[in-house]
Amino acid sequence: MAEEQRAAEPLWRDVLGRRLRDLRREREETLTETARRAGISPQYLSEIERGIKEPSSEMIAAVAGALGLTLLDLTAAIAGDLYVVQAAGGLRSASAFALAA
């Protein structure tokens, strides 16, 4: 049973990507605007948001800064998202992330 719960946990990059996308959309910004301020390409930011890329800590900090957040703020928000997913019994749908927002 413990292995079943572990398998249901989302990947960090997925939770990070969803959170970054939500934050960017809350600011009503395009990928291009946020990526430009972070010093990365819009394509790379899109891949981060979709959980395709596993960004370095430097990239995460750059995107967080472009969104007006500290790395601590972003990490705390992601930790909250993970708690919500765990409380909901694992990642069954994207709605678990919506509860954390």
PDB file of N, CA and C in Angstrom:
ATOM      1  N   MET A   1       0.817  -1.193   0.000  1.00  0.00           N
ATOM      2  CA  MET A   1       0.000   0.000   0.000  1.00  0.00           C
ATOM      3  C   MET A   1       0.863   1.259   0.000  1.00  0.00           C
ATOM      4  N   ALA A   2       1.958   1.258   0.744  1.00  0.00           N
ATOM      5  CA  ALA A   2       2.835   2.421   0.761  1.00  0.00           C
ATOM      6  C   ALA A   2       3.373   2.710  -0.628  1.00  0.00           C
ATOM      7  N   GLU A   3       3.655   1.678  -1.404  1.00  0.00           N
ATOM      8  CA  GLU A   3       4.152   1.887  -2.765  1.00  0.00           C
ATOM      9  C   GLU A   3       3.072   2.467  -3.652  1.00  0.00           C
ATOM     10  N   GLU A   4       1.809   2.098  -3.424  1.00  0.00           N
ATOM     11  CA  GLU A   4       0.715   2.666  -4.205  1.00  0.00           C
ATOM     12  C   GLU A   4       0.603   4.160  -3.934  1.00  0.00           C
ATOM     13  N   GLN A   5       0.724   4.568  -2.657  1.00  0.00           N
ATOM     14  CA  GLN A   5       0.659   5.989  -2.325  1.00  0.00           C
ATOM     15  C   GLN A   5       1.827   6.731  -2.934  1.00  0.00           C
ATOM     16  N   ARG A   6       3.004   6.132  -2.874  1.00  0.00           N
ATOM     17  CA  ARG A   6       4.182   6.777  -3.431  1.00  0.00           C
ATOM     18  C   ARG A   6       4.023   6.976  -4.934  1.00  0.00           C
ATOM     19  N   ALA A   7       3.442   6.012  -5.605  1.00  0.00           N
ATOM     20  CA  ALA A   7       3.254   6.111  -7.051  1.00  0.00           C
ATOM     21  C   ALA A   7       2.272   7.224  -7.413  1.00  0.00           C
ATOM     22  N   ALA A   8       1.340   7.546  -6.502  1.00  0.00           N
ATOM     23  CA  ALA A   8       0.336   8.560  -6.785  1.00  0.00           C
ATOM     24  C   ALA A   8       0.869   9.981  -6.585  1.00  0.00           C
ATOM     25  N   GLU A   9       2.030  10.110  -5.950  1.00  0.00           N
ATOM     26  CA  GLU A   9       2.572  11.444  -5.716  1.00  0.00           C
ATOM     27  C   GLU A   9       3.022  12.070  -7.024  1.00  0.00           C
ATOM     28  N   PRO A  10       2.747  13.359  -7.187  1.00  0.00           N
ATOM     29  CA  PRO A  10       3.183  14.039  -8.421  1.00  0.00           C
ATOM     30  C   PRO A  10       4.682  14.289  -8.389  1.00  0.00           C
ATOM     31  N   LEU A  11       5.237  14.478  -9.532  1.00  0.00           N
ATOM     32  CA  LEU A  11       6.642  14.863  -9.637  1.00  0.00           C
ATOM     33  C   LEU A  11       6.778  16.333  -9.273  1.00  0.00           C
ATOM     34  N   TRP A  12       7.905  16.692  -8.676  1.00  0.00           N
ATOM     35  CA  TRP A  12       8.187  18.078  -8.315  1.00  0.00           C
ATOM     36  C   TRP A  12       8.045  18.993  -9.525  1.00  0.00           C
ATOM     37  N   ARG A  13       8.581  18.545 -10.675  1.00  0.00           N
ATOM     38  CA  ARG A  13       8.557  19.410 -11.852  1.00  0.00           C
ATOM     39  C   ARG A  13       7.132  19.670 -12.319  1.00  0.00           C
ATOM     40  N   ASP A  14       6.217  18.713 -12.109  1.00  0.00           N
ATOM     41  CA  ASP A  14       4.817  18.927 -12.483  1.00  0.00           C
ATOM     42  C   ASP A  14       4.150  19.959 -11.580  1.00  0.00           C
ATOM     43  N   VAL A  15       4.389  19.845 -10.281  1.00  0.00           N
ATOM     44  CA  VAL A  15       3.798  20.790  -9.327  1.00  0.00           C
ATOM     45  C   VAL A  15       4.390  22.182  -9.539  1.00  0.00           C
ATOM     46  N   LEU A  16       5.706  22.245  -9.734  1.00  0.00           N
ATOM     47  CA  LEU A  16       6.379  23.511 -10.012  1.00  0.00           C
ATOM     48  C   LEU A  16       5.798  24.160 -11.262  1.00  0.00           C
ATOM     49  N   GLY A  17       5.674  23.398 -12.322  1.00  0.00           N
ATOM     50  CA  GLY A  17       5.164  23.934 -13.574  1.00  0.00           C
ATOM     51  C   GLY A  17       3.754  24.472 -13.461  1.00  0.00           C
ATOM     52  N   ARG A  18       2.901  23.718 -12.786  1.00  0.00           N
ATOM     53  CA  ARG A  18       1.517  24.185 -12.618  1.00  0.00           C
ATOM     54  C   ARG A  18       1.468  25.472 -11.810  1.00  0.00           C
ATOM     55  N   ARG A  19       2.270  25.522 -10.753  1.00  0.00           N
ATOM     56  CA  ARG A  19       2.284  26.711  -9.908  1.00  0.00           C
ATOM     57  C   ARG A  19       2.793  27.920 -10.685  1.00  0.00           C
ATOM     58  N   LEU A  20       3.874  27.752 -11.446  1.00  0.00           N
ATOM     59  CA  LEU A  20       4.408  28.861 -12.235  1.00  0.00           C
ATOM     60  C   LEU A  20       3.407  29.346 -13.270  1.00  0.00           C
ATOM     61  N   ARG A  21       2.729  28.421 -13.925  1.00  0.00           N
ATOM     62  CA  ARG A  21       1.725  28.808 -14.915  1.00  0.00           C
ATOM     63  C   ARG A  21       0.599  29.592 -14.250  1.00  0.00           C
ATOM     64  N   ASP A  22       0.126  29.099 -13.102  1.00  0.00           N
ATOM     65  CA  ASP A  22      -0.946  29.794 -12.395  1.00  0.00           C
ATOM     66  C   ASP A  22      -0.523  31.208 -11.993  1.00  0.00           C
ATOM     67  N   LEU A  23       0.698  31.332 -11.486  1.00  0.00           N
ATOM     68  CA  LEU A  23       1.193  32.650 -11.083  1.00  0.00           C
ATOM     69  C   LEU A  23       1.309  33.592 -12.277  1.00  0.00           C
ATOM     70  N   ARG A  24       1.816  33.080 -13.385  1.00  0.00           N
ATOM     71  CA  ARG A  24       1.954  33.907 -14.592  1.00  0.00           C
ATOM     72  C   ARG A  24       0.585  34.353 -15.086  1.00  0.00           C
ATOM     73  N   ARG A  25      -0.363  33.451 -15.087  1.00  0.00           N
ATOM     74  CA  ARG A  25      -1.710  33.796 -15.566  1.00  0.00           C
ATOM     75  C   ARG A  25      -2.405  34.779 -14.626  1.00  0.00           C
ATOM     76  N   GLU A  26      -2.165  34.635 -13.311  1.00  0.00           N
ATOM     77  CA  GLU A  26      -2.732  35.593 -12.361  1.00  0.00           C
ATOM     78  C   GLU A  26      -2.245  37.005 -12.658  1.00  0.00           C
ATOM     79  N   ARG A  27      -1.021  37.108 -13.134  1.00  0.00           N
ATOM     80  CA  ARG A  27      -0.442  38.408 -13.505  1.00  0.00           C
ATOM     81  C   ARG A  27      -0.872  38.835 -14.907  1.00  0.00           C
ATOM     82  N   GLU A  28      -1.627  37.965 -15.585  1.00  0.00           N
ATOM     83  CA  GLU A  28      -2.101  38.213 -16.949  1.00  0.00           C
ATOM     84  C   GLU A  28      -0.942  38.497 -17.895  1.00  0.00           C
ATOM     85  N   GLU A  29       0.096  37.662 -17.788  1.00  0.00           N
ATOM     86  CA  GLU A  29       1.267  37.802 -18.629  1.00  0.00           C
ATOM     87  C   GLU A  29       1.354  36.665 -19.637  1.00  0.00           C
ATOM     88  N   THR A  30       1.988  36.972 -20.731  1.00  0.00           N
ATOM     89  CA  THR A  30       2.258  35.937 -21.724  1.00  0.00           C
ATOM     90  C   THR A  30       3.552  35.217 -21.354  1.00  0.00           C
ATOM     91  N   LEU A  31       3.749  34.065 -21.962  1.00  0.00           N
ATOM     92  CA  LEU A  31       5.006  33.343 -21.792  1.00  0.00           C
ATOM     93  C   LEU A  31       6.189  34.232 -22.161  1.00  0.00           C
ATOM     94  N   THR A  32       6.043  34.961 -23.244  1.00  0.00           N
ATOM     95  CA  THR A  32       7.124  35.808 -23.743  1.00  0.00           C
ATOM     96  C   THR A  32       7.505  36.884 -22.736  1.00  0.00           C
ATOM     97  N   GLU A  33       6.535  37.528 -22.128  1.00  0.00           N
ATOM     98  CA  GLU A  33       6.829  38.591 -21.166  1.00  0.00           C
ATOM     99  C   GLU A  33       7.595  38.066 -19.953  1.00  0.00           C
ATOM    100  N   THR A  34       7.087  36.983 -19.379  1.00  0.00           N
ATOM    101  CA  THR A  34       7.733  36.417 -18.190  1.00  0.00           C
ATOM    102  C   THR A  34       9.104  35.852 -18.534  1.00  0.00           C
ATOM    103  N   ALA A  35       9.193  35.135 -19.650  1.00  0.00           N
ATOM    104  CA  ALA A  35      10.467  34.533 -20.056  1.00  0.00           C
ATOM    105  C   ALA A  35      11.521  35.604 -20.308  1.00  0.00           C
ATOM    106  N   ARG A  36      11.130  36.694 -20.910  1.00  0.00           N
ATOM    107  CA  ARG A  36      12.083  37.775 -21.197  1.00  0.00           C
ATOM    108  C   ARG A  36      12.688  38.305 -19.901  1.00  0.00           C
ATOM    109  N   ARG A  37      11.842  38.553 -18.902  1.00  0.00           N
ATOM    110  CA  ARG A  37      12.351  39.055 -17.629  1.00  0.00           C
ATOM    111  C   ARG A  37      13.210  38.017 -16.913  1.00  0.00           C
ATOM    112  N   ALA A  38      12.905  36.740 -17.095  1.00  0.00           N
ATOM    113  CA  ALA A  38      13.680  35.673 -16.456  1.00  0.00           C
ATOM    114  C   ALA A  38      14.979  35.379 -17.198  1.00  0.00           C
ATOM    115  N   GLY A  39      15.078  35.851 -18.444  1.00  0.00           N
ATOM    116  CA  GLY A  39      16.273  35.612 -19.237  1.00  0.00           C
ATOM    117  C   GLY A  39      16.321  34.228 -19.868  1.00  0.00           C
ATOM    118  N   ILE A  40      15.127  33.688 -20.141  1.00  0.00           N
ATOM    119  CA  ILE A  40      15.046  32.378 -20.793  1.00  0.00           C
ATOM    120  C   ILE A  40      14.109  32.491 -21.993  1.00  0.00           C
ATOM    121  N   SER A  41      14.091  31.471 -22.826  1.00  0.00           N
ATOM    122  CA  SER A  41      13.212  31.499 -23.991  1.00  0.00           C
ATOM    123  C   SER A  41      11.775  31.152 -23.587  1.00  0.00           C
ATOM    124  N   PRO A  42      10.797  31.683 -24.321  1.00  0.00           N
ATOM    125  CA  PRO A  42       9.402  31.313 -24.051  1.00  0.00           C
ATOM    126  C   PRO A  42       9.170  29.817 -24.199  1.00  0.00           C
ATOM    127  N   GLN A  43       9.867  29.195 -25.134  1.00  0.00           N
ATOM    128  CA  GLN A  43       9.717  27.744 -25.329  1.00  0.00           C
ATOM    129  C   GLN A  43      10.173  26.984 -24.088  1.00  0.00           C
ATOM    130  N   TYR A  44      11.297  27.417 -23.501  1.00  0.00           N
ATOM    131  CA  TYR A  44      11.808  26.748 -22.307  1.00  0.00           C
ATOM    132  C   TYR A  44      10.854  26.956 -21.140  1.00  0.00           C
ATOM    133  N   LEU A  45      10.327  28.160 -20.977  1.00  0.00           N
ATOM    134  CA  LEU A  45       9.360  28.411 -19.910  1.00  0.00           C
ATOM    135  C   LEU A  45       8.121  27.549 -20.114  1.00  0.00           C
ATOM    136  N   SER A  46       7.665  27.424 -21.330  1.00  0.00           N
ATOM    137  CA  SER A  46       6.513  26.574 -21.618  1.00  0.00           C
ATOM    138  C   SER A  46       6.786  25.123 -21.220  1.00  0.00           C
ATOM    139  N   GLU A  47       7.984  24.646 -21.512  1.00  0.00           N
ATOM    140  CA  GLU A  47       8.336  23.266 -21.152  1.00  0.00           C
ATOM    141  C   GLU A  47       8.422  23.094 -19.642  1.00  0.00           C
ATOM    142  N   ILE A  48       8.883  24.122 -18.940  1.00  0.00           N
ATOM    143  CA  ILE A  48       8.898  24.070 -17.470  1.00  0.00           C
ATOM    144  C   ILE A  48       7.463  24.004 -16.954  1.00  0.00           C
ATOM    145  N   GLU A  49       6.604  24.876 -17.473  1.00  0.00           N
ATOM    146  CA  GLU A  49       5.218  24.926 -17.021  1.00  0.00           C
ATOM    147  C   GLU A  49       4.474  23.616 -17.279  1.00  0.00           C
ATOM    148  N   ARG A  50       4.825  22.948 -18.352  1.00  0.00           N
ATOM    149  CA  ARG A  50       4.154  21.684 -18.681  1.00  0.00           C
ATOM    150  C   ARG A  50       4.800  20.476 -18.003  1.00  0.00           C
ATOM    151  N   GLY A  51       5.847  20.700 -17.214  1.00  0.00           N
ATOM    152  CA  GLY A  51       6.501  19.615 -16.502  1.00  0.00           C
ATOM    153  C   GLY A  51       7.386  18.752 -17.376  1.00  0.00           C
ATOM    154  N   ILE A  52       7.770  19.269 -18.527  1.00  0.00           N
ATOM    155  CA  ILE A  52       8.616  18.513 -19.447  1.00  0.00           C
ATOM    156  C   ILE A  52      10.081  18.645 -19.047  1.00  0.00           C
ATOM    157  N   LYS A  53      10.476  19.847 -18.651  1.00  0.00           N
ATOM    158  CA  LYS A  53      11.865  20.112 -18.269  1.00  0.00           C
ATOM    159  C   LYS A  53      12.010  20.127 -16.751  1.00  0.00           C
ATOM    160  N   GLU A  54      13.159  19.683 -16.295  1.00  0.00           N
ATOM    161  CA  GLU A  54      13.537  19.737 -14.882  1.00  0.00           C
ATOM    162  C   GLU A  54      14.549  20.881 -14.760  1.00  0.00           C
ATOM    163  N   PRO A  55      14.083  22.108 -14.453  1.00  0.00           N
ATOM    164  CA  PRO A  55      14.976  23.263 -14.469  1.00  0.00           C
ATOM    165  C   PRO A  55      15.963  23.253 -13.305  1.00  0.00           C
ATOM    166  N   SER A  56      17.087  23.916 -13.512  1.00  0.00           N
ATOM    167  CA  SER A  56      18.084  24.073 -12.453  1.00  0.00           C
ATOM    168  C   SER A  56      17.540  25.042 -11.404  1.00  0.00           C
ATOM    169  N   SER A  57      18.187  25.048 -10.251  1.00  0.00           N
ATOM    170  CA  SER A  57      17.775  25.978  -9.198  1.00  0.00           C
ATOM    171  C   SER A  57      17.936  27.426  -9.655  1.00  0.00           C
ATOM    172  N   GLU A  58      18.939  27.682 -10.492  1.00  0.00           N
ATOM    173  CA  GLU A  58      19.138  29.036 -11.007  1.00  0.00           C
ATOM    174  C   GLU A  58      17.980  29.450 -11.903  1.00  0.00           C
ATOM    175  N   MET A  59      17.503  28.537 -12.729  1.00  0.00           N
ATOM    176  CA  MET A  59      16.371  28.836 -13.615  1.00  0.00           C
ATOM    177  C   MET A  59      15.097  29.058 -12.804  1.00  0.00           C
ATOM    178  N   ILE A  60      14.898  28.224 -11.787  1.00  0.00           N
ATOM    179  CA  ILE A  60      13.709  28.370 -10.942  1.00  0.00           C
ATOM    180  C   ILE A  60      13.733  29.737 -10.256  1.00  0.00           C
ATOM    181  N   ALA A  61      14.894  30.107  -9.730  1.00  0.00           N
ATOM    182  CA  ALA A  61      15.020  31.414  -9.065  1.00  0.00           C
ATOM    183  C   ALA A  61      14.780  32.553 -10.046  1.00  0.00           C
ATOM    184  N   ALA A  62      15.265  32.418 -11.269  1.00  0.00           N
ATOM    185  CA  ALA A  62      15.073  33.466 -12.278  1.00  0.00           C
ATOM    186  C   ALA A  62      13.596  33.640 -12.620  1.00  0.00           C
ATOM    187  N   VAL A  63      12.886  32.547 -12.791  1.00  0.00           N
ATOM    188  CA  VAL A  63      11.458  32.632 -13.117  1.00  0.00           C
ATOM    189  C   VAL A  63      10.677  33.163 -11.919  1.00  0.00           C
ATOM    190  N   ALA A  64      11.014  32.691 -10.727  1.00  0.00           N
ATOM    191  CA  ALA A  64      10.351  33.203  -9.520  1.00  0.00           C
ATOM    192  C   ALA A  64      10.548  34.716  -9.428  1.00  0.00           C
ATOM    193  N   GLY A  65      11.778  35.178  -9.638  1.00  0.00           N
ATOM    194  CA  GLY A  65      12.053  36.608  -9.596  1.00  0.00           C
ATOM    195  C   GLY A  65      11.280  37.375 -10.647  1.00  0.00           C
ATOM    196  N   ALA A  66      11.156  36.796 -11.835  1.00  0.00           N
ATOM    197  CA  ALA A  66      10.402  37.447 -12.912  1.00  0.00           C
ATOM    198  C   ALA A  66       8.931  37.578 -12.550  1.00  0.00           C
ATOM    199  N   LEU A  67       8.467  36.704 -11.674  1.00  0.00           N
ATOM    200  CA  LEU A  67       7.070  36.746 -11.228  1.00  0.00           C
ATOM    201  C   LEU A  67       6.909  37.512  -9.914  1.00  0.00           C
ATOM    202  N   GLY A  68       8.012  38.135  -9.456  1.00  0.00           N
ATOM    203  CA  GLY A  68       7.937  38.942  -8.244  1.00  0.00           C
ATOM    204  C   GLY A  68       7.957  38.143  -6.961  1.00  0.00           C
ATOM    205  N   LEU A  69       8.488  36.929  -7.016  1.00  0.00           N
ATOM    206  CA  LEU A  69       8.542  36.058  -5.837  1.00  0.00           C
ATOM    207  C   LEU A  69       9.979  35.754  -5.457  1.00  0.00           C
ATOM    208  N   THR A  70      10.168  35.423  -4.197  1.00  0.00           N
ATOM    209  CA  THR A  70      11.444  34.876  -3.781  1.00  0.00           C
ATOM    210  C   THR A  70      11.383  33.359  -3.973  1.00  0.00           C
ATOM    211  N   LEU A  71      12.519  32.738  -3.945  1.00  0.00           N
ATOM    212  CA  LEU A  71      12.566  31.289  -4.036  1.00  0.00           C
ATOM    213  C   LEU A  71      11.831  30.667  -2.844  1.00  0.00           C
ATOM    214  N   LEU A  72      11.947  31.287  -1.676  1.00  0.00           N
ATOM    215  CA  LEU A  72      11.246  30.803  -0.494  1.00  0.00           C
ATOM    216  C   LEU A  72       9.733  30.870  -0.686  1.00  0.00           C
ATOM    217  N   ASP A  73       9.231  31.976  -1.235  1.00  0.00           N
ATOM    218  CA  ASP A  73       7.788  32.112  -1.491  1.00  0.00           C
ATOM    219  C   ASP A  73       7.302  31.003  -2.417  1.00  0.00           C
ATOM    220  N   LEU A  74       8.040  30.776  -3.491  1.00  0.00           N
ATOM    221  CA  LEU A  74       7.653  29.766  -4.465  1.00  0.00           C
ATOM    222  C   LEU A  74       7.696  28.375  -3.859  1.00  0.00           C
ATOM    223  N   THR A  75       8.747  28.083  -3.115  1.00  0.00           N
ATOM    224  CA  THR A  75       8.882  26.766  -2.497  1.00  0.00           C
ATOM    225  C   THR A  75       7.759  26.515  -1.499  1.00  0.00           C
ATOM    226  N   ALA A  76       7.416  27.528  -0.714  1.00  0.00           N
ATOM    227  CA  ALA A  76       6.321  27.387   0.249  1.00  0.00           C
ATOM    228  C   ALA A  76       4.994  27.128  -0.463  1.00  0.00           C
ATOM    229  N   ALA A  77       4.762  27.808  -1.572  1.00  0.00           N
ATOM    230  CA  ALA A  77       3.523  27.595  -2.335  1.00  0.00           C
ATOM    231  C   ALA A  77       3.471  26.176  -2.892  1.00  0.00           C
ATOM    232  N   ILE A  78       4.588  25.685  -3.375  1.00  0.00           N
ATOM    233  CA  ILE A  78       4.633  24.328  -3.923  1.00  0.00           C
ATOM    234  C   ILE A  78       4.431  23.307  -2.815  1.00  0.00           C
ATOM    235  N   ALA A  79       5.034  23.550  -1.653  1.00  0.00           N
ATOM    236  CA  ALA A  79       4.830  22.647  -0.520  1.00  0.00           C
ATOM    237  C   ALA A  79       3.347  22.591  -0.163  1.00  0.00           C
ATOM    238  N   GLY A  80       2.680  23.736  -0.187  1.00  0.00           N
ATOM    239  CA  GLY A  80       1.235  23.755   0.068  1.00  0.00           C
ATOM    240  C   GLY A  80       0.467  22.949  -0.960  1.00  0.00           C
ATOM    241  N   ASP A  81       0.866  23.055  -2.216  1.00  0.00           N
ATOM    242  CA  ASP A  81       0.223  22.274  -3.273  1.00  0.00           C
ATOM    243  C   ASP A  81       0.390  20.778  -3.011  1.00  0.00           C
ATOM    244  N   LEU A  82       1.591  20.382  -2.595  1.00  0.00           N
ATOM    245  CA  LEU A  82       1.852  18.965  -2.335  1.00  0.00           C
ATOM    246  C   LEU A  82       1.028  18.453  -1.162  1.00  0.00           C
ATOM    247  N   TYR A  83       0.849  19.286  -0.140  1.00  0.00           N
ATOM    248  CA  TYR A  83       0.006  18.888   0.983  1.00  0.00           C
ATOM    249  C   TYR A  83      -1.435  18.677   0.537  1.00  0.00           C
ATOM    250  N   VAL A  84      -1.920  19.546  -0.317  1.00  0.00           N
ATOM    251  CA  VAL A  84      -3.290  19.412  -0.820  1.00  0.00           C
ATOM    252  C   VAL A  84      -3.440  18.111  -1.601  1.00  0.00           C
ATOM    253  N   VAL A  85      -2.460  17.817  -2.449  1.00  0.00           N
ATOM    254  CA  VAL A  85      -2.508  16.583  -3.231  1.00  0.00           C
ATOM    255  C   VAL A  85      -2.496  15.375  -2.310  1.00  0.00           C
ATOM    256  N   GLN A  86      -1.637  15.404  -1.294  1.00  0.00           N
ATOM    257  CA  GLN A  86      -1.559  14.287  -0.357  1.00  0.00           C
ATOM    258  C   GLN A  86      -2.876  14.131   0.393  1.00  0.00           C
ATOM    259  N   ALA A  87      -3.461  15.235   0.837  1.00  0.00           N
ATOM    260  CA  ALA A  87      -4.724  15.184   1.560  1.00  0.00           C
ATOM    261  C   ALA A  87      -5.855  14.663   0.691  1.00  0.00           C
ATOM    262  N   ALA A  88      -5.747  14.929  -0.619  1.00  0.00           N
ATOM    263  CA  ALA A  88      -6.778  14.474  -1.549  1.00  0.00           C
ATOM    264  C   ALA A  88      -6.570  13.017  -1.945  1.00  0.00           C
ATOM    265  N   GLY A  89      -5.524  12.394  -1.432  1.00  0.00           N
ATOM    266  CA  GLY A  89      -5.297  10.984  -1.727  1.00  0.00           C
ATOM    267  C   GLY A  89      -4.472  10.733  -2.958  1.00  0.00           C
ATOM    268  N   GLY A  90      -3.681  11.687  -3.364  1.00  0.00           N
ATOM    269  CA  GLY A  90      -2.832  11.495  -4.536  1.00  0.00           C
ATOM    270  C   GLY A  90      -3.311  12.322  -5.696  1.00  0.00           C
ATOM    271  N   LEU A  91      -2.582  12.246  -6.772  1.00  0.00           N
ATOM    272  CA  LEU A  91      -2.887  13.030  -7.964  1.00  0.00           C
ATOM    273  C   LEU A  91      -3.869  12.257  -8.820  1.00  0.00           C
ATOM    274  N   ARG A  92      -5.135  12.620  -8.711  1.00  0.00           N
ATOM    275  CA  ARG A  92      -6.151  11.962  -9.530  1.00  0.00           C
ATOM    276  C   ARG A  92      -6.622  12.867 -10.653  1.00  0.00           C
ATOM    277  N   SER A  93      -6.483  14.171 -10.394  1.00  0.00           N
ATOM    278  CA  SER A  93      -6.873  15.118 -11.433  1.00  0.00           C
ATOM    279  C   SER A  93      -6.212  16.450 -11.152  1.00  0.00           C
ATOM    280  N   ALA A  94      -6.300  17.329 -12.094  1.00  0.00           N
ATOM    281  CA  ALA A  94      -5.723  18.659 -11.926  1.00  0.00           C
ATOM    282  C   ALA A  94      -6.509  19.467 -10.904  1.00  0.00           C
ATOM    283  N   SER A  95      -7.721  19.042 -10.541  1.00  0.00           N
ATOM    284  CA  SER A  95      -8.520  19.807  -9.585  1.00  0.00           C
ATOM    285  C   SER A  95      -7.881  19.861  -8.213  1.00  0.00           C
ATOM    286  N   ALA A  96      -7.044  18.892  -7.878  1.00  0.00           N
ATOM    287  CA  ALA A  96      -6.350  18.933  -6.583  1.00  0.00           C
ATOM    288  C   ALA A  96      -5.446  20.147  -6.503  1.00  0.00           C
ATOM    289  N   PHE A  97      -4.851  20.535  -7.626  1.00  0.00           N
ATOM    290  CA  PHE A  97      -3.999  21.709  -7.627  1.00  0.00           C
ATOM    291  C   PHE A  97      -4.829  22.971  -7.537  1.00  0.00           C
ATOM    292  N   ALA A  98      -6.004  22.971  -8.091  1.00  0.00           N
ATOM    293  CA  ALA A  98      -6.851  24.155  -8.061  1.00  0.00           C
ATOM    294  C   ALA A  98      -7.244  24.494  -6.624  1.00  0.00           C
ATOM    295  N   LEU A  99      -7.373  23.482  -5.780  1.00  0.00           N
ATOM    296  CA  LEU A  99      -7.719  23.724  -4.394  1.00  0.00           C
ATOM    297  C   LEU A  99      -6.646  24.507  -3.656  1.00  0.00           C
ATOM    298  N   ALA A 100      -5.389  24.324  -4.074  1.00  0.00           N
ATOM    299  CA  ALA A 100      -4.283  24.987  -3.400  1.00  0.00           C
ATOM    300  C   ALA A 100      -4.120  26.434  -3.836  1.00  0.00           C
ATOM    301  N   ALA A 101      -4.673  26.778  -4.957  1.00  0.00           N
ATOM    302  CA  ALA A 101      -4.454  28.117  -5.508  1.00  0.00           C
ATOM    303  C   ALA A 101      -5.214  29.183  -4.788  1.00  0.00           C
TER     304      ALA A 101
END
